[in-house]
Amino acid sequence: MSKQIGPEDGVLITQYRNGNEVAFDLLVDRYQSKVYTTIYLIVKDQEVAEDLLQDVFLKVVQTLHSDKYNEEGKFLPWVMRIAHNLAIDHFRKSKRYPTILLEDGSNVFNSLHFAEDSMEDKKVKEETLELVKKLIEELPEAQREVVILRHYLDLSFQEIADQTGVSINTALGRMRYALHHIRKKMKQVTRAYDKIVYPK
């Protein structure tokens, strides 16, 4: 492991917060390559990764100026977590929809057959996709993260474990709980929908 050249991160942070802009430039030069690589491995798009890299350091600047920074001695892990979260958020906000497989291996939409020429069926499909996206949003953060990495980004569970810093068993467990939650909510919504459409 190569020895870090130049002042410690904490020293540079203090200098920057005291008005030394060059100190922040040194921090960026020191870590931007590692941060970019982390983002790119998730989004797999150079332009998006470059945009998110800018967003990461913008968030760092805002946090340092707001006096909310308290990660003394842990600057790099903190920045990497920001990068990871922004990359995940990129997919949460995008219009992409995953193929969600439930615990039994069936697709969320396997019982729904949509005719391409039916506007009503298309509307139902769009609403169902929005529902799935909403249910993913409602998951606890750790479960939501695994679902996005697995079903939106097609990462293996080993890759997910590496990205999130947990064991494969933990990643699998989070996915299992997430799918159970989604399936349970889907059933509740379907029953409520049936009562509205087909009142007794």
Protein backbone atom coordinates (compact mmCIF):
# COMPACT_ATOMS: atom_id res chain seq x y z
CA MET A 1 0.00 0.00 0.00
CA SER A 2 1.52 3.32 -1.08
CA LYS A 3 2.11 6.01 1.48
CA GLN A 4 -0.10 9.05 1.15
CA ILE A 5 1.80 12.08 -0.15
CA GLY A 6 1.05 15.51 1.28
CA PRO A 7 -0.97 16.68 4.29
CA GLU A 8 -3.48 14.41 6.04
CA ASP A 9 -7.11 14.67 4.90
CA GLY A 10 -8.11 16.25 8.20
CA VAL A 11 -5.49 18.98 7.79
CA LEU A 12 -6.68 19.77 4.25
CA ILE A 13 -10.31 19.86 5.41
CA THR A 14 -9.46 22.31 8.19
CA GLN A 15 -7.49 24.48 5.76
CA TYR A 16 -10.35 24.47 3.26
CA ARG A 17 -12.92 25.39 5.92
CA ASN A 18 -10.63 28.28 6.84
CA GLY A 19 -10.75 29.59 3.28
CA ASN A 20 -7.94 27.74 1.51
CA GLU A 21 -9.46 26.63 -1.83
CA VAL A 22 -6.23 24.91 -2.90
CA ALA A 23 -6.63 22.48 0.00
CA PHE A 24 -9.93 21.25 -1.47
CA ASP A 25 -8.35 20.91 -4.93
CA LEU A 26 -5.77 18.60 -3.36
CA LEU A 27 -8.53 16.46 -1.83
CA VAL A 28 -10.29 16.22 -5.19
CA ASP A 29 -7.06 15.29 -6.99
CA ARG A 30 -6.36 12.68 -4.33
CA TYR A 31 -9.68 10.85 -4.57
CA GLN A 32 -11.59 11.74 -7.75
CA SER A 33 -10.27 8.73 -9.68
CA LYS A 34 -11.37 6.28 -6.98
CA VAL A 35 -14.76 8.00 -6.60
CA TYR A 36 -15.32 8.03 -10.37
CA THR A 37 -14.51 4.32 -10.64
CA THR A 38 -16.99 3.48 -7.89
CA ILE A 39 -19.74 5.45 -9.62
CA TYR A 40 -18.94 4.06 -13.07
CA LEU A 41 -19.07 0.46 -11.85
CA ILE A 42 -22.66 1.11 -10.80
CA VAL A 43 -24.04 3.29 -13.62
CA LYS A 44 -21.84 1.90 -16.44
CA ASP A 45 -22.17 5.19 -18.35
CA GLN A 46 -19.24 7.60 -18.69
CA GLU A 47 -21.26 10.81 -19.01
CA VAL A 48 -23.57 9.92 -16.13
CA ALA A 49 -20.58 8.94 -13.99
CA GLU A 50 -18.85 12.26 -14.74
CA ASP A 51 -22.01 14.21 -13.85
CA LEU A 52 -22.44 12.28 -10.61
CA LEU A 53 -18.76 12.79 -9.76
CA GLN A 54 -19.39 16.55 -9.88
CA ASP A 55 -22.49 16.10 -7.72
CA VAL A 56 -20.49 14.14 -5.14
CA PHE A 57 -17.94 16.89 -4.63
CA LEU A 58 -20.66 19.54 -4.70
CA LYS A 59 -22.36 17.70 -1.84
CA VAL A 60 -19.01 17.47 -0.04
CA VAL A 61 -18.55 21.25 -0.38
CA GLN A 62 -22.07 21.96 0.87
CA THR A 63 -21.60 19.67 3.88
CA LEU A 64 -18.22 21.14 4.81
CA HIS A 65 -19.58 24.69 4.57
CA SER A 66 -22.65 23.83 6.66
CA ASP A 67 -20.52 22.59 9.57
CA LYS A 68 -22.31 19.21 9.43
CA TYR A 69 -19.13 17.30 8.66
CA ASN A 70 -18.07 15.15 11.61
CA GLU A 71 -16.30 12.25 9.90
CA GLU A 72 -12.91 13.18 11.30
CA GLY A 73 -10.32 10.71 10.04
CA LYS A 74 -12.85 8.98 7.78
CA PHE A 75 -13.05 11.35 4.83
CA LEU A 76 -12.63 8.77 2.07
CA PRO A 77 -15.25 6.27 3.36
CA TRP A 78 -17.66 9.19 3.79
CA VAL A 79 -17.09 10.45 0.24
CA MET A 80 -17.39 6.92 -1.17
CA ARG A 81 -20.71 6.48 0.61
CA ILE A 82 -21.99 9.73 -0.91
CA ALA A 83 -20.87 8.48 -4.34
CA HIS A 84 -22.55 5.11 -3.82
CA ASN A 85 -25.82 6.72 -2.67
CA LEU A 86 -25.94 9.20 -5.55
CA ALA A 87 -25.33 6.42 -8.07
CA ILE A 88 -28.18 4.38 -6.55
CA ASP A 89 -30.43 7.46 -6.45
CA HIS A 90 -29.79 7.95 -10.16
CA PHE A 91 -31.62 4.68 -10.83
CA ARG A 92 -34.36 5.35 -8.31
CA LYS A 93 -35.21 8.56 -10.15
CA SER A 94 -34.86 7.14 -13.64
CA LYS A 95 -37.77 5.77 -15.66
CA ARG A 96 -36.26 2.30 -15.92
CA TYR A 97 -38.25 -0.60 -14.57
CA PRO A 98 -36.77 -3.93 -13.54
CA THR A 99 -38.09 -7.42 -14.09
CA ILE A 100 -38.91 -8.28 -10.49
CA LEU A 101 -38.82 -12.01 -9.77
CA LEU A 102 -40.63 -13.11 -6.64
CA GLU A 103 -39.48 -15.75 -4.16
CA ASP A 104 -41.03 -18.55 -6.20
CA GLY A 105 -39.21 -17.40 -9.34
CA SER A 106 -42.32 -15.94 -10.95
CA ASN A 107 -42.41 -12.50 -12.51
CA VAL A 108 -44.49 -9.79 -10.82
CA PHE A 109 -46.28 -9.38 -14.14
CA ASN A 110 -46.57 -13.06 -15.11
CA SER A 111 -50.34 -13.11 -14.65
CA LEU A 112 -50.85 -9.91 -16.62
CA HIS A 113 -51.15 -10.21 -20.37
CA PHE A 114 -51.29 -6.92 -22.19
CA ALA A 115 -52.55 -6.43 -25.73
CA GLU A 116 -50.36 -3.96 -27.57
CA ASP A 117 -53.34 -2.34 -29.27
CA SER A 118 -55.37 -1.82 -26.09
CA MET A 119 -55.00 1.63 -24.52
CA GLU A 120 -56.69 0.37 -21.36
CA ASP A 121 -54.20 -2.51 -20.99
CA LYS A 122 -51.30 -0.14 -21.59
CA LYS A 123 -52.65 2.17 -18.89
CA VAL A 124 -52.96 -0.73 -16.43
CA LYS A 125 -49.40 -1.82 -17.23
CA GLU A 126 -48.05 1.70 -16.69
CA GLU A 127 -49.92 1.98 -13.39
CA THR A 128 -48.58 -1.41 -12.28
CA LEU A 129 -45.03 -0.41 -13.17
CA GLU A 130 -45.46 2.81 -11.19
CA LEU A 131 -46.80 0.78 -8.27
CA VAL A 132 -43.78 -1.53 -8.29
CA LYS A 133 -41.48 1.49 -8.40
CA LYS A 134 -43.39 3.03 -5.47
CA LEU A 135 -43.16 -0.19 -3.47
CA ILE A 136 -39.40 -0.30 -4.07
CA GLU A 137 -39.16 3.30 -2.85
CA GLU A 138 -40.97 2.32 0.37
CA LEU A 139 -38.55 -0.49 1.22
CA PRO A 140 -36.03 0.03 4.04
CA GLU A 141 -32.85 1.53 2.58
CA ALA A 142 -30.74 -1.65 2.80
CA GLN A 143 -33.41 -3.76 1.08
CA ARG A 144 -34.11 -1.11 -1.57
CA GLU A 145 -30.42 -0.92 -2.36
CA VAL A 146 -30.13 -4.68 -2.96
CA VAL A 147 -33.23 -4.72 -5.21
CA ILE A 148 -31.90 -1.87 -7.34
CA LEU A 149 -28.41 -3.35 -7.64
CA ARG A 150 -29.81 -6.77 -8.52
CA HIS A 151 -32.81 -6.04 -10.74
CA TYR A 152 -31.94 -2.66 -12.24
CA LEU A 153 -28.18 -3.11 -12.61
CA ASP A 154 -27.99 -6.91 -12.99
CA LEU A 155 -25.22 -7.27 -10.40
CA SER A 156 -24.47 -10.71 -8.98
CA PHE A 157 -24.94 -11.23 -5.25
CA GLN A 158 -21.16 -11.38 -4.88
CA GLU A 159 -20.91 -7.95 -6.57
CA ILE A 160 -23.73 -6.64 -4.37
CA ALA A 161 -21.96 -7.92 -1.27
CA ASP A 162 -18.74 -6.19 -2.38
CA GLN A 163 -20.52 -2.93 -3.21
CA THR A 164 -22.45 -2.74 0.05
CA GLY A 165 -19.79 -4.18 2.35
CA VAL A 166 -21.87 -7.11 3.63
CA SER A 167 -21.75 -10.90 3.29
CA ILE A 168 -23.52 -12.70 0.46
CA ASN A 169 -25.90 -14.26 3.01
CA THR A 170 -26.85 -10.79 4.28
CA ALA A 171 -27.43 -9.56 0.72
CA LEU A 172 -29.58 -12.62 -0.03
CA GLY A 173 -31.53 -12.11 3.19
CA ARG A 174 -32.24 -8.47 2.36
CA MET A 175 -33.45 -9.47 -1.10
CA ARG A 176 -35.71 -12.16 0.38
CA TYR A 177 -37.30 -9.70 2.82
CA ALA A 178 -37.68 -7.09 0.06
CA LEU A 179 -39.46 -9.48 -2.32
CA HIS A 180 -41.70 -10.72 0.47
CA HIS A 181 -42.67 -7.11 1.24
CA ILE A 182 -43.33 -6.30 -2.43
CA ARG A 183 -45.45 -9.40 -2.97
CA LYS A 184 -47.46 -8.76 0.21
CA LYS A 185 -48.12 -5.13 -0.80
CA MET A 186 -49.03 -6.14 -4.36
CA LYS A 187 -51.65 -8.56 -3.00
CA GLN A 188 -53.11 -5.89 -0.71
CA VAL A 189 -53.35 -3.38 -3.55
CA THR A 190 -54.87 -5.98 -5.91
CA ARG A 191 -57.54 -6.89 -3.34
CA ALA A 192 -58.35 -3.22 -2.77
CA TYR A 193 -58.53 -2.65 -6.55
CA ASP A 194 -60.85 -5.62 -7.02
CA LYS A 195 -63.21 -4.27 -4.32
CA ILE A 196 -63.40 -0.92 -6.11
CA VAL A 197 -63.87 -2.37 -9.61
CA TYR A 198 -66.04 -5.31 -8.61
CA PRO A 199 -67.99 -4.19 -5.52
CA LYS A 200 -70.16 -6.87 -3.95
